[in-house]
Amino acid sequence: MQGNRLFEITYLLLNKKSMTAKELAEHFEVSVRTIYRDIDALSLAGIPVYTTKGKGGGISLMESYVLNKAVLSEKEQENILASLQGLHAVNRSEDATLRKLSSIFGKKEASWIEVDFSRWGSNSEEKEKFELIKQAILEKQELEMIYHNSSGHESKRIVFPLKLIFKAQSWYLYAYCKEKKDYRIFKLRRVKNLKMNSKKFSIEVPPIDLDEIIYQNEVNMEQIILKLDHSLSYRVFDEFQEDEIKKLDDGNYLVTFQAPTSWIYNLILSFEDKVEVISPDYIKEQMKTIYRNALHKYE
């Protein structure tokens, strides 16, 4: 207990520059005498702490002091702070850790990166879902949920949550599904009625290849060729790899890529009237049917 208090006293003095013994005693809910014993212990440990008397006096650290961080190189310190800034994007509770380590390392928080994984207009429900899953992973608690798969089928699942993954602008839960008796990837936006039950699990996270798992889940992969209008250039470069894109003489784009058939129709529809399916033929025919059915609804 004293060791934790000594560390926190040092941290407080790093941030507040000077505090009175009374302020420290009230903060830790101990006596002033205990605080002075702690100050003596810090001095014996080589921490350059000193006291000044009179108005404006108190307990302080030498201005140039930072905690001993000999076990970490300058590069390692910078990497830790940068990693925490990334975590800040998904968990605001990391702010305190970031501030604390910045003080310990004697560095200002680097502000060269700002990461926000949330969608525009995302609400507190999504953040609560993320926090609940994180808690279940760390505490190895089973999760119950309703899941809507890419075929539109709704099912109740009980899973062992293992890892949260961000890929291709979406969050996924990697988990062991008790119903399927296998590891599965669940897209977080399709997870509903999420709750943590009281049962624990003990399995460890196996090595994963996210692309391979997604391909296994999406059995029907197809090579698609689309012609896209030049006005969609921003989406062409957002959504396709450079080697999948060919710029045509008329300024439009030809894109050739592999995709699961379960979502290719939604992708094509999102391009509205600025897309032409070149191949395969069966997708061309299916798109004709989709457009005809949609047209009937407005006649």
Foldseek 3Di string as FASTA:
>chain_A
DLVVLLLVVVLCQLPVQFDALVVSCVVVVHDSVVSVVSVVVCVVVVFQWDWDDDPPTGIGGDNPDAADPVVDDPVRLLVVLVVLQVVCQLDVVSVVVSSSSCSNVVHDRDPPDHDHLDDVPDDVVLSVLSVQLVVCQVQQFKKWWWFQDLLRDIDIWIWRFHDWDDDPSFIWTWTQTPVVRGIAIGTSVRTHPMDTDDDGDDDHDDDDDVVVRVCVVQVAKDKWKKKFQLVCVVVCVSPADPVQWDQDPVRIIIGIDIDRPSCVLVVQCVSPPGMDTPDDPVVNVVNVVVVVVVVVVVD
